[in-house]
N, C-alpha and C. Protein backbone atom coordinates (compact mmCIF):
# COMPACT_ATOMS: atom_id res chain seq x y z
N MET A 1 0.89 -1.17 -0.09
CA MET A 1 -0.19 0.09 0.27
C MET A 1 0.96 1.19 0.06
N SER A 2 1.85 1.06 0.97
CA SER A 2 2.70 2.73 0.83
C SER A 2 3.46 2.61 -0.34
N LYS A 3 3.78 1.68 -1.16
CA LYS A 3 4.62 2.00 -2.22
C LYS A 3 3.58 2.46 -3.44
N GLU A 4 2.74 1.92 -3.60
CA GLU A 4 1.58 2.48 -4.43
C GLU A 4 1.06 3.75 -4.16
N LEU A 5 1.18 4.52 -2.78
CA LEU A 5 0.70 5.83 -2.49
C LEU A 5 2.11 6.52 -3.02
N PHE A 6 3.38 6.24 -2.40
CA PHE A 6 4.68 6.75 -3.07
C PHE A 6 4.47 7.04 -4.43
N LYS A 7 4.15 5.96 -5.48
CA LYS A 7 4.19 6.07 -6.86
C LYS A 7 3.01 7.22 -7.08
N ARG A 8 2.12 7.15 -6.48
CA ARG A 8 1.25 8.12 -6.88
C ARG A 8 1.64 9.67 -6.40
N ILE A 9 2.21 9.70 -5.36
CA ILE A 9 2.40 10.94 -5.15
C ILE A 9 3.80 11.35 -5.91
N ASP A 10 4.44 10.63 -6.27
CA ASP A 10 5.77 10.96 -7.19
C ASP A 10 5.32 11.20 -8.30
N SER A 11 4.35 10.45 -8.85
CA SER A 11 3.88 10.53 -10.39
C SER A 11 3.16 12.03 -10.37
N VAL A 12 2.52 12.49 -9.41
CA VAL A 12 1.81 13.80 -9.19
C VAL A 12 2.84 15.10 -9.48
N ILE A 13 3.59 14.86 -8.67
CA ILE A 13 4.89 15.62 -8.48
C ILE A 13 5.61 15.83 -9.82
N ARG A 14 6.07 15.15 -10.36
CA ARG A 14 6.44 14.97 -11.83
C ARG A 14 5.76 15.17 -12.94
N ASN A 15 4.47 14.44 -13.04
CA ASN A 15 3.68 14.88 -14.39
C ASN A 15 2.85 15.99 -14.43
N GLU A 16 2.54 16.73 -13.10
CA GLU A 16 2.03 17.90 -13.16
C GLU A 16 3.14 19.07 -12.72
N ARG A 17 4.34 18.39 -12.51
CA ARG A 17 5.17 19.52 -12.47
C ARG A 17 5.16 20.31 -11.37
N LEU A 18 4.62 19.87 -10.32
CA LEU A 18 4.43 20.50 -8.89
C LEU A 18 5.86 20.69 -8.46
N TYR A 19 6.91 20.32 -9.17
CA TYR A 19 8.18 20.62 -8.65
C TYR A 19 8.61 22.15 -8.94
N SER A 20 7.95 22.33 -10.03
CA SER A 20 8.69 23.61 -10.66
C SER A 20 8.03 25.04 -9.95
N ASN A 21 7.10 24.92 -9.12
CA ASN A 21 6.87 25.66 -7.97
C ASN A 21 7.85 26.24 -6.91
N VAL A 22 8.52 27.03 -7.02
CA VAL A 22 9.73 27.52 -6.03
C VAL A 22 9.01 27.51 -4.60
N ASN A 23 7.77 27.72 -4.44
CA ASN A 23 7.24 28.06 -3.22
C ASN A 23 6.71 26.58 -2.89
N LEU A 24 6.89 25.54 -3.34
CA LEU A 24 5.96 24.29 -3.34
C LEU A 24 6.56 23.67 -1.69
N MET A 25 5.67 23.45 -0.74
CA MET A 25 5.64 23.01 0.59
C MET A 25 5.42 21.51 0.72
N ARG A 26 6.08 20.80 1.85
CA ARG A 26 5.23 19.52 2.04
C ARG A 26 3.99 19.78 2.63
N GLU A 27 3.24 20.65 2.97
CA GLU A 27 2.31 20.76 3.35
C GLU A 27 1.16 20.71 2.19
N ASP A 28 1.96 21.41 1.02
CA ASP A 28 0.92 21.22 -0.31
C ASP A 28 0.43 19.72 -0.58
N VAL A 29 1.56 18.82 -0.69
CA VAL A 29 1.58 17.50 -0.88
C VAL A 29 0.72 16.69 0.37
N MET A 30 0.98 17.18 1.53
CA MET A 30 0.21 16.50 2.52
C MET A 30 -0.96 16.66 2.19
N ARG A 31 -1.70 18.00 2.37
CA ARG A 31 -3.18 18.50 2.02
C ARG A 31 -3.68 17.83 0.60
N ARG A 32 -2.95 17.77 -0.59
CA ARG A 32 -3.22 17.01 -1.52
C ARG A 32 -3.61 15.68 -1.20
N PHE A 33 -2.94 14.95 -0.82
CA PHE A 33 -2.91 13.47 -0.73
C PHE A 33 -3.52 13.00 0.55
N GLY A 34 -4.19 14.08 1.54
CA GLY A 34 -4.77 13.68 2.69
C GLY A 34 -3.83 12.89 3.89
N ILE A 35 -2.57 13.46 3.90
CA ILE A 35 -1.56 12.39 4.87
C ILE A 35 -0.93 13.49 5.56
N SER A 36 -0.45 12.75 6.83
CA SER A 36 0.15 13.41 7.78
C SER A 36 1.59 13.65 7.29
N ARG A 37 2.24 14.70 7.86
CA ARG A 37 3.66 15.29 8.00
C ARG A 37 4.23 13.81 8.21
N HIS A 38 4.22 12.95 9.27
CA HIS A 38 4.96 11.83 9.55
C HIS A 38 4.66 10.73 8.49
N ARG A 39 3.54 10.57 8.01
CA ARG A 39 3.41 9.69 6.86
C ARG A 39 4.01 10.05 5.70
N LEU A 40 4.28 11.15 5.25
CA LEU A 40 5.14 11.71 4.02
C LEU A 40 6.35 11.33 4.13
N ASN A 41 6.81 11.72 5.69
CA ASN A 41 8.51 11.40 5.74
C ASN A 41 8.59 9.79 6.05
N ASP A 42 7.57 9.28 6.18
CA ASP A 42 7.86 7.57 6.21
C ASP A 42 8.03 7.19 4.88
N LEU A 43 7.12 7.85 3.80
CA LEU A 43 7.32 7.22 2.78
C LEU A 43 8.30 7.60 1.72
N LEU A 44 8.87 8.74 2.09
CA LEU A 44 10.21 9.38 1.71
C LEU A 44 11.17 8.33 2.23
N ASN A 45 11.32 7.90 3.61
CA ASN A 45 12.23 7.50 4.03
C ASN A 45 12.31 5.71 3.41
N GLN A 46 11.08 5.08 3.28
CA GLN A 46 10.78 4.00 2.68
C GLN A 46 11.31 3.89 1.19
N HIS A 47 10.70 4.71 0.42
CA HIS A 47 10.87 4.87 -1.42
C HIS A 47 11.44 5.77 -1.80
N ALA A 48 12.18 6.54 -1.11
CA ALA A 48 12.84 7.77 -1.80
C ALA A 48 14.22 7.85 -1.38
N GLY A 49 15.04 6.46 -0.97
CA GLY A 49 16.34 6.75 -0.11
C GLY A 49 16.23 7.43 1.23
N GLY A 50 15.35 7.72 1.87
CA GLY A 50 15.70 8.23 3.20
C GLY A 50 15.76 10.15 2.62
N LEU A 51 15.61 10.33 1.70
CA LEU A 51 15.72 11.89 1.31
C LEU A 51 14.87 12.55 2.29
N SER A 52 14.82 13.81 2.67
CA SER A 52 14.20 14.50 3.31
C SER A 52 13.13 15.21 1.93
N PHE A 53 11.97 15.63 2.48
CA PHE A 53 11.08 16.59 1.48
C PHE A 53 12.03 17.42 0.68
N PRO A 54 12.73 18.37 1.22
CA PRO A 54 13.43 19.35 0.25
C PRO A 54 14.42 18.45 -0.67
N GLN A 55 15.32 17.68 -0.15
CA GLN A 55 15.93 17.07 -0.69
C GLN A 55 15.58 16.04 -1.89
N TYR A 56 14.33 15.47 -1.80
CA TYR A 56 13.80 14.68 -2.80
C TYR A 56 13.00 15.81 -3.65
N ILE A 57 12.67 16.94 -3.29
CA ILE A 57 12.16 17.97 -4.33
C ILE A 57 13.28 18.38 -5.40
N ASN A 58 14.46 19.03 -4.62
CA ASN A 58 15.77 19.17 -5.15
C ASN A 58 16.43 18.49 -6.15
N ASP A 59 16.15 16.77 -5.87
CA ASP A 59 16.73 16.07 -6.57
C ASP A 59 15.71 15.86 -8.32
N ILE A 60 14.52 15.89 -7.88
CA ILE A 60 14.01 16.13 -9.14
C ILE A 60 14.31 17.29 -9.92
N ARG A 61 14.23 18.37 -9.31
CA ARG A 61 14.53 19.38 -10.24
C ARG A 61 16.02 19.41 -10.74
N VAL A 62 17.12 19.04 -10.00
CA VAL A 62 18.26 19.39 -10.58
C VAL A 62 18.49 18.20 -11.82
N LYS A 63 17.56 16.71 -11.66
CA LYS A 63 17.71 16.27 -12.83
C LYS A 63 17.15 16.32 -13.92
N GLU A 64 15.86 17.35 -13.56
CA GLU A 64 15.02 17.87 -15.15
C GLU A 64 15.75 18.99 -15.68
N ALA A 65 16.84 19.62 -14.87
CA ALA A 65 17.56 20.96 -15.05
C ALA A 65 18.45 20.30 -16.05
N TYR A 66 19.09 19.05 -15.58
CA TYR A 66 20.45 18.41 -16.41
C TYR A 66 19.74 17.94 -17.79
N GLU A 67 18.81 17.37 -17.58
CA GLU A 67 17.91 17.16 -19.03
C GLU A 67 17.89 18.53 -19.94
N LEU A 68 17.23 19.58 -19.62
CA LEU A 68 17.03 20.98 -20.20
C LEU A 68 18.29 21.58 -20.53
N ILE A 69 19.31 21.58 -19.77
CA ILE A 69 20.69 21.90 -20.18
C ILE A 69 21.26 21.10 -21.38
N THR A 70 20.94 19.34 -21.26
CA THR A 70 21.29 18.70 -22.14
C THR A 70 20.82 18.70 -23.55
N HIS A 71 19.72 19.13 -23.38
CA HIS A 71 18.73 18.77 -24.73
C HIS A 71 17.87 20.04 -25.20
N HIS A 72 18.28 21.12 -24.61
CA HIS A 72 17.71 22.55 -24.96
C HIS A 72 18.71 23.61 -24.79
N PRO A 73 19.73 23.66 -25.74
CA PRO A 73 20.72 24.72 -25.50
C PRO A 73 20.18 26.07 -25.97
N GLU A 74 19.15 26.04 -26.66
CA GLU A 74 18.65 27.61 -26.62
C GLU A 74 17.86 28.09 -25.31
N MET A 75 17.87 27.52 -24.52
CA MET A 75 17.64 28.01 -23.08
C MET A 75 18.61 28.42 -22.04
N SER A 76 18.50 29.65 -21.78
CA SER A 76 19.47 30.25 -20.77
C SER A 76 19.64 29.30 -19.34
N ILE A 77 20.73 29.28 -18.70
CA ILE A 77 21.00 28.62 -17.47
C ILE A 77 19.68 29.20 -16.26
N THR A 78 19.48 30.64 -16.54
CA THR A 78 18.28 31.46 -15.63
C THR A 78 17.09 30.70 -16.00
N GLU A 79 16.75 30.86 -17.54
CA GLU A 79 15.45 30.19 -17.73
C GLU A 79 15.06 28.86 -17.24
N ILE A 80 16.23 28.00 -17.34
CA ILE A 80 16.04 26.33 -16.93
C ILE A 80 16.07 26.63 -15.20
N ALA A 81 16.70 27.39 -14.66
CA ALA A 81 16.56 27.49 -13.24
C ALA A 81 15.20 27.75 -12.72
N PHE A 82 14.27 28.65 -13.51
CA PHE A 82 13.13 29.07 -12.89
C PHE A 82 12.09 27.89 -13.66
N GLU A 83 12.45 27.62 -14.75
CA GLU A 83 11.55 26.54 -15.31
C GLU A 83 11.31 25.36 -14.43
N VAL A 84 12.52 24.77 -13.53
CA VAL A 84 12.43 23.67 -12.88
C VAL A 84 12.03 23.99 -11.37
N GLY A 85 12.01 25.42 -10.95
CA GLY A 85 11.51 25.74 -9.42
C GLY A 85 12.71 26.12 -8.64
N PHE A 86 14.09 26.44 -9.18
CA PHE A 86 15.01 26.73 -8.48
C PHE A 86 15.23 28.04 -8.92
N THR A 87 16.00 28.94 -7.97
CA THR A 87 16.52 30.02 -8.31
C THR A 87 17.82 30.09 -9.01
N PRO A 88 18.50 31.00 -9.74
CA PRO A 88 19.68 30.73 -10.20
C PRO A 88 20.99 30.08 -9.19
N PRO A 89 20.90 30.84 -8.24
CA PRO A 89 22.21 30.42 -7.45
C PRO A 89 21.77 29.14 -6.68
N ASN A 90 20.58 28.84 -6.71
CA ASN A 90 20.11 27.49 -6.12
C ASN A 90 20.44 26.21 -7.11
N LEU A 91 19.98 26.81 -8.29
CA LEU A 91 20.50 25.67 -9.16
C LEU A 91 21.96 25.29 -9.68
N ARG A 92 22.46 26.35 -9.45
CA ARG A 92 24.25 26.31 -9.45
C ARG A 92 24.56 25.61 -8.40
N ASP A 93 24.24 26.05 -7.10
CA ASP A 93 24.79 24.97 -5.92
C ASP A 93 24.42 23.58 -5.94
N GLN A 94 23.01 23.34 -6.20
CA GLN A 94 22.47 21.71 -6.36
C GLN A 94 23.11 21.28 -7.44
N PHE A 95 23.39 21.67 -8.71
CA PHE A 95 23.80 21.09 -9.79
C PHE A 95 25.42 20.76 -9.50
N LYS A 96 26.05 21.61 -8.74
CA LYS A 96 27.19 21.52 -8.60
C LYS A 96 27.38 20.21 -7.51
N ARG A 97 26.54 20.32 -6.58
CA ARG A 97 26.60 19.01 -5.89
C ARG A 97 26.24 18.02 -6.31
N HIS A 98 25.34 17.67 -7.17
CA HIS A 98 25.19 16.41 -7.76
C HIS A 98 26.14 16.02 -8.86
N TYR A 99 26.47 17.04 -9.91
CA TYR A 99 27.46 16.30 -11.08
C TYR A 99 28.59 17.02 -10.51
N GLY A 100 29.19 17.73 -9.68
CA GLY A 100 30.54 18.19 -9.73
C GLY A 100 31.01 19.39 -10.40
N MET A 101 30.11 19.89 -10.95
CA MET A 101 30.74 21.46 -11.74
C MET A 101 29.28 21.90 -11.93
N THR A 102 29.33 23.41 -12.16
CA THR A 102 28.31 24.21 -12.55
C THR A 102 27.55 23.94 -13.76
N PRO A 103 26.06 24.38 -13.90
CA PRO A 103 25.32 23.97 -15.04
C PRO A 103 26.10 24.77 -16.25
N THR A 104 26.66 25.67 -16.27
CA THR A 104 27.68 26.84 -17.29
C THR A 104 28.76 25.60 -17.68
N LYS A 105 29.30 25.30 -16.70
CA LYS A 105 30.73 24.29 -16.93
C LYS A 105 30.15 23.06 -17.94
N TYR A 106 28.90 22.62 -17.34
CA TYR A 106 28.41 21.21 -17.92
C TYR A 106 28.10 21.63 -19.24
N ARG A 107 27.52 22.75 -19.41
CA ARG A 107 27.19 23.12 -21.11
C ARG A 107 28.31 23.19 -21.70
N THR A 108 29.42 23.96 -21.47
CA THR A 108 30.35 24.17 -22.05
C THR A 108 31.33 22.70 -22.78
N HIS A 109 31.00 21.89 -21.49
CA HIS A 109 31.78 20.52 -22.04
C HIS A 109 30.87 19.90 -23.19
N LEU A 110 29.40 20.33 -23.51
CA LEU A 110 28.75 19.51 -24.21
C LEU A 110 29.12 20.03 -25.81
N VAL A 111 29.50 21.03 -25.65
CA VAL A 111 30.04 21.53 -27.40
C VAL A 111 31.42 21.13 -27.63
């Protein structure tokens, strides 16, 4: 049951692009699915590798940014940041943490 609920939550966050809202709060997800904070934390612990809610959302955002940087060279890094729900400095920091280089440096390695 918990795996199915997590899959539903994950699907909605990704498919409806809830992650792209820079102001997305765990309370928004809790309210949408009628679950408690404790339940959401348990689901993340069990099915998202123990990530906290902000870590889980940032993980989705940074992976989506990676895809956009890779496949949409016409988009600026700033546009991509806002598209995925980051501010440009947050994208830079999160991207560097995940991939070991800034988005701009990664993009220059693509050409």
